[in-house]
Amino acid sequence: MIDSTYAKPQSLRRVPGTVGLPIGAGEPSRPFRIVTGSERDWEGVAADELVLVCPWLAGLDPAAGLWLSALPIHDCNAFVDGDWALKAPADQRERCYVGVFALDRLRSGPQIFGPLRDKGVSRLINLPSISFFDGATALTFGRLSFTLESEIAFLAQARSAGFGTALCARSEIDLAPEKTAPFDFILRHQGPGQPLVIDEA
């Protein structure tokens, strides 16, 4: 079993996860970890491990922070305007995907892409994702154009700006091959409290 964890700023606290459940017969999920990007987060990263860097997780409860992060209760992308920078070791940078809230109503794509490039970021993932929500909440957000399709459009903008991209989406969503082809991988989930797995696109 593989941990999918992130560090609270006070310590490198590991949260047990069930990442590594099979995507299909004989196809285990690629190992990954979710971190805030603090100095200690780069210790012990395996050679084949993807690193999802989410600065907005700093200080949030490890058990629920990821799933609550898409709620409009704080500015997930505030780190874009701050002094945060990607400080991953050179041999890990190509496996680092920085999580941004793709449906930011405070900043346009270019207002996010330029500063991130200056911070050493070259790969993005829509994390947190509106796909965390379902049922009535998803319908309400959908009426406001807060949809996975809008997140995919944002990531297409990011690719046009020169970024590598990965997609976060619910496991049950059947995406057409032409939609998944541009992504390096898809981070699949079944909602809050459920495992996250990497589906190689």
N, C-alpha and C. Protein backbone atom coordinates (compact mmCIF):
# COMPACT_ATOMS: atom_id res chain seq x y z
N MET A 1 0.85 -1.19 0.00
CA MET A 1 0.00 0.00 0.00
C MET A 1 0.88 1.24 0.00
N ILE A 2 0.46 2.26 -0.73
CA ILE A 2 1.28 3.45 -0.90
C ILE A 2 0.62 4.63 -0.19
N ASP A 3 1.41 5.40 0.51
CA ASP A 3 0.89 6.60 1.15
C ASP A 3 0.67 7.71 0.14
N SER A 4 -0.42 8.44 0.29
CA SER A 4 -0.61 9.70 -0.41
C SER A 4 -0.76 10.72 0.70
N THR A 5 0.27 11.52 0.93
CA THR A 5 0.31 12.33 2.13
C THR A 5 0.70 13.76 1.82
N TYR A 6 0.45 14.62 2.77
CA TYR A 6 1.02 15.95 2.68
C TYR A 6 1.45 16.39 4.06
N ALA A 7 2.30 17.37 4.06
CA ALA A 7 2.88 17.80 5.33
C ALA A 7 2.20 19.05 5.84
N LYS A 8 1.86 19.04 7.11
CA LYS A 8 1.47 20.28 7.76
C LYS A 8 2.75 21.08 7.96
N PRO A 9 2.69 22.42 7.99
CA PRO A 9 3.92 23.19 8.07
C PRO A 9 4.74 22.93 9.32
N GLN A 10 4.07 22.49 10.41
CA GLN A 10 4.80 22.27 11.66
C GLN A 10 5.66 21.02 11.60
N SER A 11 5.24 20.00 10.87
CA SER A 11 5.98 18.75 10.84
C SER A 11 5.62 17.97 9.60
N LEU A 12 6.42 16.97 9.30
CA LEU A 12 6.15 16.11 8.16
C LEU A 12 5.28 14.97 8.65
N ARG A 13 4.01 15.25 8.81
CA ARG A 13 3.08 14.26 9.34
C ARG A 13 2.49 13.44 8.20
N ARG A 14 2.65 12.14 8.26
CA ARG A 14 2.15 11.28 7.20
C ARG A 14 0.73 10.81 7.52
N VAL A 15 -0.11 10.82 6.50
CA VAL A 15 -1.49 10.39 6.65
C VAL A 15 -1.66 9.11 5.86
N PRO A 16 -2.00 7.99 6.49
CA PRO A 16 -2.15 6.74 5.74
C PRO A 16 -3.23 6.88 4.68
N GLY A 17 -2.98 6.34 3.49
CA GLY A 17 -3.96 6.38 2.42
C GLY A 17 -4.07 5.01 1.79
N THR A 18 -4.98 4.88 0.85
CA THR A 18 -5.14 3.61 0.17
C THR A 18 -4.80 3.76 -1.30
N VAL A 19 -3.95 4.73 -1.60
CA VAL A 19 -3.50 4.89 -2.97
C VAL A 19 -2.76 3.63 -3.38
N GLY A 20 -2.96 3.18 -4.57
CA GLY A 20 -2.33 1.96 -5.02
C GLY A 20 -3.36 0.90 -5.35
N LEU A 21 -4.66 1.21 -5.16
CA LEU A 21 -5.69 0.29 -5.58
C LEU A 21 -5.63 0.15 -7.09
N PRO A 22 -5.92 -1.03 -7.62
CA PRO A 22 -5.76 -1.24 -9.06
C PRO A 22 -6.72 -0.43 -9.90
N ILE A 23 -6.22 0.09 -11.00
CA ILE A 23 -7.06 0.77 -11.99
C ILE A 23 -7.74 -0.30 -12.84
N GLY A 24 -7.02 -1.31 -13.20
CA GLY A 24 -7.54 -2.43 -13.98
C GLY A 24 -6.73 -3.65 -13.60
N ALA A 25 -7.11 -4.79 -14.16
CA ALA A 25 -6.41 -6.03 -13.81
C ALA A 25 -4.93 -5.91 -14.11
N GLY A 26 -4.13 -6.10 -13.08
CA GLY A 26 -2.68 -6.07 -13.26
C GLY A 26 -2.10 -4.70 -13.49
N GLU A 27 -2.88 -3.63 -13.25
CA GLU A 27 -2.38 -2.27 -13.49
C GLU A 27 -2.46 -1.45 -12.22
N PRO A 28 -1.48 -1.56 -11.34
CA PRO A 28 -1.51 -0.77 -10.11
C PRO A 28 -1.29 0.71 -10.40
N SER A 29 -1.82 1.54 -9.53
CA SER A 29 -1.65 2.98 -9.68
C SER A 29 -0.18 3.37 -9.52
N ARG A 30 0.23 4.35 -10.27
CA ARG A 30 1.59 4.86 -10.11
C ARG A 30 1.70 5.53 -8.74
N PRO A 31 2.81 5.34 -8.03
CA PRO A 31 2.94 5.96 -6.71
C PRO A 31 3.03 7.49 -6.81
N PHE A 32 2.44 8.14 -5.83
CA PHE A 32 2.51 9.61 -5.77
C PHE A 32 2.36 10.05 -4.33
N ARG A 33 2.69 11.29 -4.10
CA ARG A 33 2.46 11.90 -2.80
C ARG A 33 1.96 13.32 -3.02
N ILE A 34 1.20 13.81 -2.05
CA ILE A 34 0.70 15.18 -2.07
C ILE A 34 1.41 15.92 -0.96
N VAL A 35 2.05 17.04 -1.30
CA VAL A 35 2.84 17.81 -0.33
C VAL A 35 2.50 19.29 -0.45
N THR A 36 2.91 20.06 0.54
CA THR A 36 2.71 21.51 0.49
C THR A 36 3.87 22.22 -0.19
N GLY A 37 4.99 21.53 -0.31
CA GLY A 37 6.16 22.14 -0.95
C GLY A 37 7.15 22.71 0.04
N SER A 38 7.04 22.31 1.30
CA SER A 38 8.02 22.78 2.29
C SER A 38 9.34 22.05 2.08
N GLU A 39 10.38 22.54 2.71
CA GLU A 39 11.74 22.01 2.50
C GLU A 39 11.83 20.52 2.80
N ARG A 40 11.14 20.06 3.82
CA ARG A 40 11.24 18.65 4.23
C ARG A 40 10.44 17.71 3.34
N ASP A 41 9.57 18.25 2.51
CA ASP A 41 8.72 17.41 1.67
C ASP A 41 9.48 16.61 0.63
N TRP A 42 10.70 17.02 0.32
CA TRP A 42 11.43 16.37 -0.77
C TRP A 42 12.25 15.18 -0.29
N GLU A 43 12.26 14.94 1.00
CA GLU A 43 13.02 13.81 1.55
C GLU A 43 12.31 12.50 1.23
N GLY A 44 13.06 11.55 0.72
CA GLY A 44 12.53 10.21 0.53
C GLY A 44 11.61 10.02 -0.65
N VAL A 45 11.58 10.96 -1.57
CA VAL A 45 10.75 10.79 -2.77
C VAL A 45 11.40 9.74 -3.67
N ALA A 46 10.62 8.71 -4.02
CA ALA A 46 11.15 7.62 -4.84
C ALA A 46 11.35 8.08 -6.29
N ALA A 47 12.19 7.36 -7.00
CA ALA A 47 12.56 7.75 -8.36
C ALA A 47 11.39 7.74 -9.33
N ASP A 48 10.36 6.90 -9.08
CA ASP A 48 9.23 6.83 -10.00
C ASP A 48 7.98 7.52 -9.45
N GLU A 49 8.13 8.24 -8.34
CA GLU A 49 6.99 8.83 -7.65
C GLU A 49 6.64 10.21 -8.19
N LEU A 50 5.37 10.42 -8.48
CA LEU A 50 4.89 11.75 -8.84
C LEU A 50 4.68 12.57 -7.57
N VAL A 51 4.88 13.87 -7.67
CA VAL A 51 4.70 14.75 -6.51
C VAL A 51 3.68 15.82 -6.88
N LEU A 52 2.55 15.83 -6.19
CA LEU A 52 1.52 16.83 -6.39
C LEU A 52 1.72 17.89 -5.31
N VAL A 53 2.15 19.07 -5.74
CA VAL A 53 2.54 20.13 -4.81
C VAL A 53 1.37 21.09 -4.63
N CYS A 54 0.83 21.16 -3.42
CA CYS A 54 -0.35 21.96 -3.13
C CYS A 54 -0.06 22.91 -1.96
N PRO A 55 0.52 24.07 -2.24
CA PRO A 55 0.86 24.99 -1.15
C PRO A 55 -0.33 25.40 -0.31
N TRP A 56 -1.52 25.43 -0.89
CA TRP A 56 -2.73 25.85 -0.19
C TRP A 56 -3.16 24.86 0.89
N LEU A 57 -2.55 23.69 0.96
CA LEU A 57 -2.87 22.73 2.01
C LEU A 57 -2.19 23.04 3.34
N ALA A 58 -1.21 23.93 3.32
CA ALA A 58 -0.48 24.24 4.55
C ALA A 58 -1.43 24.69 5.65
N GLY A 59 -1.38 24.00 6.78
CA GLY A 59 -2.20 24.37 7.92
C GLY A 59 -3.58 23.74 7.95
N LEU A 60 -4.02 23.10 6.85
CA LEU A 60 -5.33 22.46 6.84
C LEU A 60 -5.24 21.09 7.49
N ASP A 61 -6.36 20.63 8.01
CA ASP A 61 -6.41 19.32 8.64
C ASP A 61 -6.06 18.23 7.62
N PRO A 62 -5.08 17.37 7.93
CA PRO A 62 -4.66 16.36 6.96
C PRO A 62 -5.77 15.42 6.51
N ALA A 63 -6.73 15.11 7.40
CA ALA A 63 -7.77 14.16 7.05
C ALA A 63 -8.82 14.75 6.11
N ALA A 64 -9.11 16.03 6.26
CA ALA A 64 -10.22 16.61 5.50
C ALA A 64 -9.81 17.78 4.62
N GLY A 65 -8.60 18.30 4.80
CA GLY A 65 -8.20 19.52 4.10
C GLY A 65 -8.29 19.44 2.60
N LEU A 66 -7.89 18.32 2.02
CA LEU A 66 -7.93 18.18 0.56
C LEU A 66 -9.35 18.33 0.04
N TRP A 67 -10.29 17.70 0.72
CA TRP A 67 -11.67 17.67 0.24
C TRP A 67 -12.41 18.98 0.52
N LEU A 68 -12.02 19.70 1.56
CA LEU A 68 -12.66 20.97 1.88
C LEU A 68 -12.11 22.12 1.06
N SER A 69 -10.95 21.92 0.46
CA SER A 69 -10.23 23.01 -0.18
C SER A 69 -10.94 23.63 -1.36
N ALA A 70 -11.87 22.89 -2.00
CA ALA A 70 -12.58 23.44 -3.16
C ALA A 70 -13.76 24.31 -2.75
N LEU A 71 -14.12 24.31 -1.46
CA LEU A 71 -15.21 25.17 -1.00
C LEU A 71 -14.77 26.63 -1.07
N PRO A 72 -15.68 27.53 -1.39
CA PRO A 72 -15.32 28.95 -1.50
C PRO A 72 -15.18 29.62 -0.14
N ILE A 73 -14.29 29.07 0.70
CA ILE A 73 -14.11 29.61 2.04
C ILE A 73 -12.73 30.24 2.21
N HIS A 74 -11.87 30.09 1.21
CA HIS A 74 -10.56 30.72 1.25
C HIS A 74 -10.02 30.80 -0.17
N ASP A 75 -8.97 31.53 -0.35
CA ASP A 75 -8.37 31.75 -1.67
C ASP A 75 -7.27 30.72 -1.89
N CYS A 76 -7.61 29.63 -2.56
CA CYS A 76 -6.63 28.55 -2.79
C CYS A 76 -5.40 29.02 -3.54
N ASN A 77 -5.60 29.95 -4.47
CA ASN A 77 -4.49 30.37 -5.32
C ASN A 77 -3.73 31.58 -4.78
N ALA A 78 -3.94 31.92 -3.52
CA ALA A 78 -3.25 33.07 -2.94
C ALA A 78 -1.73 32.93 -3.03
N PHE A 79 -1.23 31.69 -2.99
CA PHE A 79 0.22 31.47 -3.04
C PHE A 79 0.83 31.97 -4.35
N VAL A 80 0.01 32.09 -5.39
CA VAL A 80 0.49 32.58 -6.69
C VAL A 80 1.01 34.01 -6.55
N ASP A 81 0.38 34.79 -5.68
CA ASP A 81 0.75 36.20 -5.51
C ASP A 81 1.77 36.41 -4.39
N GLY A 82 2.12 35.35 -3.67
CA GLY A 82 3.03 35.48 -2.54
C GLY A 82 4.46 35.15 -2.91
N ASP A 83 5.27 34.87 -1.88
CA ASP A 83 6.69 34.62 -2.12
C ASP A 83 7.02 33.13 -2.21
N TRP A 84 5.99 32.28 -2.27
CA TRP A 84 6.22 30.85 -2.44
C TRP A 84 6.91 30.59 -3.77
N ALA A 85 7.80 29.62 -3.79
CA ALA A 85 8.45 29.19 -5.04
C ALA A 85 8.67 27.69 -4.97
N LEU A 86 8.69 27.04 -6.12
CA LEU A 86 8.94 25.60 -6.17
C LEU A 86 10.42 25.36 -5.93
N LYS A 87 10.74 24.69 -4.85
CA LYS A 87 12.14 24.47 -4.47
C LYS A 87 12.49 22.99 -4.48
N ALA A 88 11.87 22.25 -5.38
CA ALA A 88 12.15 20.82 -5.49
C ALA A 88 13.55 20.60 -6.03
N PRO A 89 14.21 19.52 -5.61
CA PRO A 89 15.52 19.18 -6.17
C PRO A 89 15.42 19.01 -7.69
N ALA A 90 16.50 19.27 -8.38
CA ALA A 90 16.51 19.22 -9.85
C ALA A 90 16.02 17.90 -10.39
N ASP A 91 16.38 16.79 -9.72
CA ASP A 91 16.00 15.48 -10.25
C ASP A 91 14.54 15.13 -10.00
N GLN A 92 13.81 15.98 -9.27
CA GLN A 92 12.38 15.74 -9.00
C GLN A 92 11.46 16.70 -9.73
N ARG A 93 12.00 17.77 -10.26
CA ARG A 93 11.16 18.83 -10.84
C ARG A 93 10.27 18.35 -11.97
N GLU A 94 10.77 17.44 -12.79
CA GLU A 94 9.98 16.95 -13.93
C GLU A 94 8.79 16.10 -13.48
N ARG A 95 8.76 15.72 -12.20
CA ARG A 95 7.66 14.91 -11.68
C ARG A 95 6.77 15.71 -10.74
N CYS A 96 6.97 17.03 -10.68
CA CYS A 96 6.19 17.90 -9.80
C CYS A 96 5.06 18.59 -10.57
N TYR A 97 3.85 18.39 -10.09
CA TYR A 97 2.67 19.05 -10.66
C TYR A 97 2.08 19.92 -9.56
N VAL A 98 2.01 21.22 -9.82
CA VAL A 98 1.50 22.15 -8.80
C VAL A 98 -0.01 22.26 -8.93
N GLY A 99 -0.69 22.08 -7.80
CA GLY A 99 -2.15 22.14 -7.78
C GLY A 99 -2.66 23.57 -7.72
N VAL A 100 -3.52 23.91 -8.66
CA VAL A 100 -4.17 25.22 -8.67
C VAL A 100 -5.67 25.03 -8.82
N PHE A 101 -6.43 25.97 -8.27
CA PHE A 101 -7.88 25.94 -8.44
C PHE A 101 -8.18 26.57 -9.79
N ALA A 102 -8.61 25.74 -10.74
CA ALA A 102 -8.76 26.17 -12.13
C ALA A 102 -9.91 27.15 -12.34
N LEU A 103 -10.83 27.24 -11.38
CA LEU A 103 -12.01 28.09 -11.56
C LEU A 103 -11.90 29.38 -10.75
N ASP A 104 -10.69 29.88 -10.63
CA ASP A 104 -10.40 31.10 -9.87
C ASP A 104 -11.17 32.28 -10.47
N ARG A 105 -12.01 32.91 -9.67
CA ARG A 105 -12.76 34.08 -10.14
C ARG A 105 -12.03 35.38 -9.84
N LEU A 106 -10.88 35.29 -9.17
CA LEU A 106 -10.11 36.49 -8.83
C LEU A 106 -8.97 36.73 -9.81
N ARG A 107 -8.57 35.68 -10.54
CA ARG A 107 -7.41 35.79 -11.43
C ARG A 107 -7.71 35.09 -12.75
N SER A 108 -7.30 35.68 -13.85
CA SER A 108 -7.42 35.02 -15.15
C SER A 108 -6.28 34.02 -15.31
N GLY A 109 -6.37 33.18 -16.35
CA GLY A 109 -5.31 32.23 -16.62
C GLY A 109 -3.94 32.89 -16.71
N PRO A 110 -3.78 33.93 -17.54
CA PRO A 110 -2.47 34.58 -17.63
C PRO A 110 -1.97 35.16 -16.31
N GLN A 111 -2.89 35.60 -15.45
CA GLN A 111 -2.48 36.12 -14.14
C GLN A 111 -1.99 35.01 -13.21
N ILE A 112 -2.31 33.78 -13.54
CA ILE A 112 -1.82 32.63 -12.79
C ILE A 112 -0.57 32.07 -13.44
N PHE A 113 -0.58 31.94 -14.75
CA PHE A 113 0.51 31.27 -15.46
C PHE A 113 1.84 32.03 -15.36
N GLY A 114 1.80 33.34 -15.56
CA GLY A 114 3.03 34.13 -15.53
C GLY A 114 3.77 34.02 -14.20
N PRO A 115 3.10 34.32 -13.09
CA PRO A 115 3.76 34.21 -11.79
C PRO A 115 4.24 32.80 -11.47
N LEU A 116 3.47 31.78 -11.86
CA LEU A 116 3.90 30.41 -11.57
C LEU A 116 5.16 30.06 -12.35
N ARG A 117 5.22 30.49 -13.59
CA ARG A 117 6.44 30.24 -14.37
C ARG A 117 7.64 30.90 -13.70
N ASP A 118 7.44 32.12 -13.19
CA ASP A 118 8.52 32.82 -12.50
C ASP A 118 8.94 32.10 -11.21
N LYS A 119 8.04 31.28 -10.65
CA LYS A 119 8.32 30.55 -9.41
C LYS A 119 8.92 29.17 -9.69
N GLY A 120 9.22 28.89 -10.95
CA GLY A 120 9.86 27.63 -11.30
C GLY A 120 8.92 26.49 -11.61
N VAL A 121 7.63 26.79 -11.81
CA VAL A 121 6.62 25.76 -12.06
C VAL A 121 6.50 25.51 -13.56
N SER A 122 6.47 24.24 -13.96
CA SER A 122 6.31 23.90 -15.37
C SER A 122 5.16 22.93 -15.63
N ARG A 123 4.55 22.40 -14.54
CA ARG A 123 3.46 21.43 -14.70
C ARG A 123 2.34 21.75 -13.71
N LEU A 124 1.09 21.62 -14.18
CA LEU A 124 -0.07 21.98 -13.36
C LEU A 124 -1.09 20.84 -13.33
N ILE A 125 -1.88 20.83 -12.26
CA ILE A 125 -3.03 19.94 -12.14
C ILE A 125 -4.17 20.72 -11.50
N ASN A 126 -5.40 20.43 -11.90
CA ASN A 126 -6.58 21.11 -11.34
C ASN A 126 -6.92 20.50 -9.97
N LEU A 127 -6.17 20.91 -8.99
CA LEU A 127 -6.32 20.39 -7.63
C LEU A 127 -6.23 21.55 -6.65
N PRO A 128 -7.32 21.84 -5.91
CA PRO A 128 -8.56 21.10 -5.77
C PRO A 128 -9.43 21.18 -7.03
N SER A 129 -10.41 20.29 -7.10
CA SER A 129 -11.25 20.21 -8.28
C SER A 129 -12.72 20.32 -7.92
N ILE A 130 -13.47 20.91 -8.81
CA ILE A 130 -14.93 20.99 -8.63
C ILE A 130 -15.54 19.60 -8.66
N SER A 131 -14.79 18.63 -9.21
CA SER A 131 -15.29 17.26 -9.27
C SER A 131 -15.37 16.61 -7.90
N PHE A 132 -14.87 17.27 -6.86
CA PHE A 132 -15.02 16.76 -5.50
C PHE A 132 -16.49 16.72 -5.09
N PHE A 133 -17.32 17.53 -5.75
CA PHE A 133 -18.72 17.66 -5.37
C PHE A 133 -19.62 16.86 -6.31
N ASP A 134 -20.72 16.36 -5.77
CA ASP A 134 -21.71 15.70 -6.61
C ASP A 134 -23.10 16.09 -6.13
N GLY A 135 -24.13 15.49 -6.70
CA GLY A 135 -25.50 15.74 -6.27
C GLY A 135 -25.93 17.19 -6.45
N ALA A 136 -26.71 17.67 -5.48
CA ALA A 136 -27.28 19.01 -5.56
C ALA A 136 -26.20 20.09 -5.58
N THR A 137 -25.12 19.85 -4.84
CA THR A 137 -24.04 20.84 -4.81
C THR A 137 -23.43 20.99 -6.20
N ALA A 138 -23.19 19.87 -6.88
CA ALA A 138 -22.62 19.91 -8.22
C ALA A 138 -23.56 20.62 -9.19
N LEU A 139 -24.86 20.39 -9.06
CA LEU A 139 -25.85 21.06 -9.92
C LEU A 139 -25.82 22.56 -9.71
N THR A 140 -25.74 22.97 -8.45
CA THR A 140 -25.68 24.41 -8.14
C THR A 140 -24.43 25.04 -8.74
N PHE A 141 -23.28 24.39 -8.53
CA PHE A 141 -22.04 24.91 -9.11
C PHE A 141 -22.11 24.91 -10.63
N GLY A 142 -22.75 23.89 -11.21
CA GLY A 142 -22.87 23.80 -12.66
C GLY A 142 -23.61 24.99 -13.25
N ARG A 143 -24.63 25.47 -12.55
CA ARG A 143 -25.38 26.64 -13.02
C ARG A 143 -24.51 27.89 -13.04
N LEU A 144 -23.42 27.87 -12.28
CA LEU A 144 -22.49 29.00 -12.24
C LEU A 144 -21.27 28.76 -13.14
N SER A 145 -21.36 27.72 -13.97
CA SER A 145 -20.27 27.33 -14.86
C SER A 145 -19.04 26.83 -14.11
N PHE A 146 -19.24 26.35 -12.89
CA PHE A 146 -18.18 25.70 -12.15
C PHE A 146 -18.26 24.21 -12.47
N THR A 147 -17.64 23.79 -13.56
CA THR A 147 -17.75 22.43 -14.05
C THR A 147 -16.38 21.86 -14.39
N LEU A 148 -16.33 20.53 -14.52
CA LEU A 148 -15.09 19.88 -14.94
C LEU A 148 -14.71 20.35 -16.34
N GLU A 149 -15.70 20.59 -17.19
CA GLU A 149 -15.42 21.09 -18.54
C GLU A 149 -14.68 22.42 -18.48
N SER A 150 -15.08 23.27 -17.55
CA SER A 150 -14.40 24.57 -17.39
C SER A 150 -12.97 24.37 -16.90
N GLU A 151 -12.76 23.38 -16.03
CA GLU A 151 -11.41 23.08 -15.56
C GLU A 151 -10.55 22.56 -16.71
N ILE A 152 -11.13 21.71 -17.55
CA ILE A 152 -10.40 21.18 -18.71
C ILE A 152 -10.02 22.32 -19.65
N ALA A 153 -10.92 23.29 -19.82
CA ALA A 153 -10.63 24.45 -20.67
C ALA A 153 -9.47 25.26 -20.09
N PHE A 154 -9.44 25.42 -18.77
CA PHE A 154 -8.34 26.13 -18.11
C PHE A 154 -7.02 25.41 -18.36
N LEU A 155 -7.03 24.09 -18.24
CA LEU A 155 -5.80 23.32 -18.46
C LEU A 155 -5.36 23.38 -19.92
N ALA A 156 -6.31 23.50 -20.84
CA ALA A 156 -5.95 23.68 -22.25
C ALA A 156 -5.23 25.02 -22.43
N GLN A 157 -5.70 26.05 -21.72
CA GLN A 157 -5.01 27.35 -21.73
C GLN A 157 -3.59 27.20 -21.20
N ALA A 158 -3.46 26.43 -20.13
CA ALA A 158 -2.14 26.22 -19.52
C ALA A 158 -1.19 25.54 -20.51
N ARG A 159 -1.70 24.54 -21.24
CA ARG A 159 -0.85 23.88 -22.24
C ARG A 159 -0.43 24.85 -23.33
N SER A 160 -1.36 25.71 -23.75
CA SER A 160 -1.03 26.72 -24.76
C SER A 160 0.04 27.68 -24.26
N ALA A 161 0.10 27.85 -22.93
CA ALA A 161 1.11 28.73 -22.32
C ALA A 161 2.41 27.98 -22.05
N GLY A 162 2.47 26.70 -22.43
CA GLY A 162 3.72 25.95 -22.31
C GLY A 162 3.84 25.03 -21.11
N PHE A 163 2.76 24.87 -20.33
CA PHE A 163 2.80 24.01 -19.16
C PHE A 163 2.43 22.56 -19.51
N GLY A 164 3.04 21.60 -18.82
CA GLY A 164 2.54 20.24 -18.84
C GLY A 164 1.33 20.18 -17.93
N THR A 165 0.38 19.30 -18.22
CA THR A 165 -0.85 19.28 -17.42
C THR A 165 -1.29 17.86 -17.07
N ALA A 166 -1.95 17.75 -15.92
CA ALA A 166 -2.62 16.52 -15.49
C ALA A 166 -4.01 16.92 -15.04
N LEU A 167 -4.92 15.95 -15.06
CA LEU A 167 -6.33 16.22 -14.75
C LEU A 167 -6.75 15.46 -13.51
N CYS A 168 -7.52 16.12 -12.64
CA CYS A 168 -8.18 15.49 -11.51
C CYS A 168 -9.66 15.34 -11.87
N ALA A 169 -10.20 14.11 -11.79
CA ALA A 169 -11.60 13.87 -12.16
C ALA A 169 -12.14 12.68 -11.39
N ARG A 170 -13.45 12.62 -11.26
CA ARG A 170 -14.10 11.49 -10.58
C ARG A 170 -13.89 10.21 -11.38
N SER A 171 -13.80 9.10 -10.68
CA SER A 171 -13.56 7.80 -11.32
C SER A 171 -14.66 7.41 -12.28
N GLU A 172 -15.91 7.76 -11.94
CA GLU A 172 -17.03 7.31 -12.77
C GLU A 172 -17.25 8.14 -14.03
N ILE A 173 -16.54 9.25 -14.15
CA ILE A 173 -16.71 10.08 -15.34
C ILE A 173 -15.96 9.44 -16.51
N ASP A 174 -16.70 9.14 -17.57
CA ASP A 174 -16.11 8.51 -18.74
C ASP A 174 -15.72 9.61 -19.73
N LEU A 175 -14.44 9.88 -19.80
CA LEU A 175 -13.95 10.94 -20.67
C LEU A 175 -13.52 10.35 -22.01
N ALA A 176 -13.90 11.02 -23.09
CA ALA A 176 -13.53 10.57 -24.43
C ALA A 176 -12.01 10.61 -24.60
N PRO A 177 -11.45 9.71 -25.40
CA PRO A 177 -9.99 9.66 -25.59
C PRO A 177 -9.39 11.00 -26.01
N GLU A 178 -10.10 11.75 -26.83
CA GLU A 178 -9.56 13.04 -27.26
C GLU A 178 -9.49 14.05 -26.12
N LYS A 179 -10.30 13.82 -25.08
CA LYS A 179 -10.25 14.71 -23.91
C LYS A 179 -9.09 14.35 -23.00
N THR A 180 -8.78 13.06 -22.90
CA THR A 180 -7.72 12.62 -21.98
C THR A 180 -6.33 12.65 -22.61
N ALA A 181 -6.27 12.60 -23.93
CA ALA A 181 -4.98 12.51 -24.63
C ALA A 181 -3.98 13.60 -24.25
N PRO A 182 -4.42 14.85 -24.07
CA PRO A 182 -3.43 15.90 -23.77
C PRO A 182 -2.81 15.82 -22.38
N PHE A 183 -3.40 15.02 -21.48
CA PHE A 183 -2.93 15.00 -20.10
C PHE A 183 -1.86 13.94 -19.86
N ASP A 184 -0.91 14.27 -19.01
CA ASP A 184 0.15 13.32 -18.66
C ASP A 184 -0.41 12.15 -17.85
N PHE A 185 -1.41 12.43 -17.02
CA PHE A 185 -2.11 11.39 -16.26
C PHE A 185 -3.40 11.98 -15.72
N ILE A 186 -4.26 11.11 -15.21
CA ILE A 186 -5.50 11.56 -14.57
C ILE A 186 -5.50 11.08 -13.13
N LEU A 187 -5.72 11.99 -12.20
CA LEU A 187 -5.86 11.66 -10.79
C LEU A 187 -7.34 11.37 -10.56
N ARG A 188 -7.67 10.11 -10.32
CA ARG A 188 -9.07 9.70 -10.18
C ARG A 188 -9.47 9.59 -8.71
N HIS A 189 -10.74 9.88 -8.43
CA HIS A 189 -11.25 9.76 -7.06
C HIS A 189 -12.74 9.46 -7.12
N GLN A 190 -13.28 9.02 -5.99
CA GLN A 190 -14.71 8.73 -5.89
C GLN A 190 -15.38 9.61 -4.84
N GLY A 191 -14.76 10.74 -4.57
CA GLY A 191 -15.33 11.67 -3.61
C GLY A 191 -14.62 11.66 -2.28
N PRO A 192 -15.04 12.54 -1.37
CA PRO A 192 -14.39 12.70 -0.07
C PRO A 192 -14.21 11.40 0.69
N GLY A 193 -13.00 11.23 1.23
CA GLY A 193 -12.70 10.08 2.05
C GLY A 193 -12.35 8.83 1.27
N GLN A 194 -12.43 8.88 -0.04
CA GLN A 194 -12.13 7.73 -0.87
C GLN A 194 -10.70 7.81 -1.41
N PRO A 195 -10.15 6.68 -1.85
CA PRO A 195 -8.77 6.69 -2.34
C PRO A 195 -8.60 7.54 -3.61
N LEU A 196 -7.40 8.05 -3.77
CA LEU A 196 -7.01 8.74 -4.99
C LEU A 196 -6.06 7.79 -5.73
N VAL A 197 -6.23 7.67 -7.03
CA VAL A 197 -5.36 6.79 -7.81
C VAL A 197 -4.93 7.51 -9.08
N ILE A 198 -3.76 7.14 -9.56
CA ILE A 198 -3.25 7.70 -10.81
C ILE A 198 -3.65 6.78 -11.96
N ASP A 199 -4.32 7.35 -12.93
CA ASP A 199 -4.70 6.65 -14.15
C ASP A 199 -3.83 7.24 -15.26
N GLU A 200 -2.88 6.48 -15.75
CA GLU A 200 -1.99 6.98 -16.80
C GLU A 200 -2.82 7.28 -18.04
N ALA A 201 -2.76 8.52 -18.51
CA ALA A 201 -3.56 8.93 -19.68
C ALA A 201 -2.96 8.37 -20.96
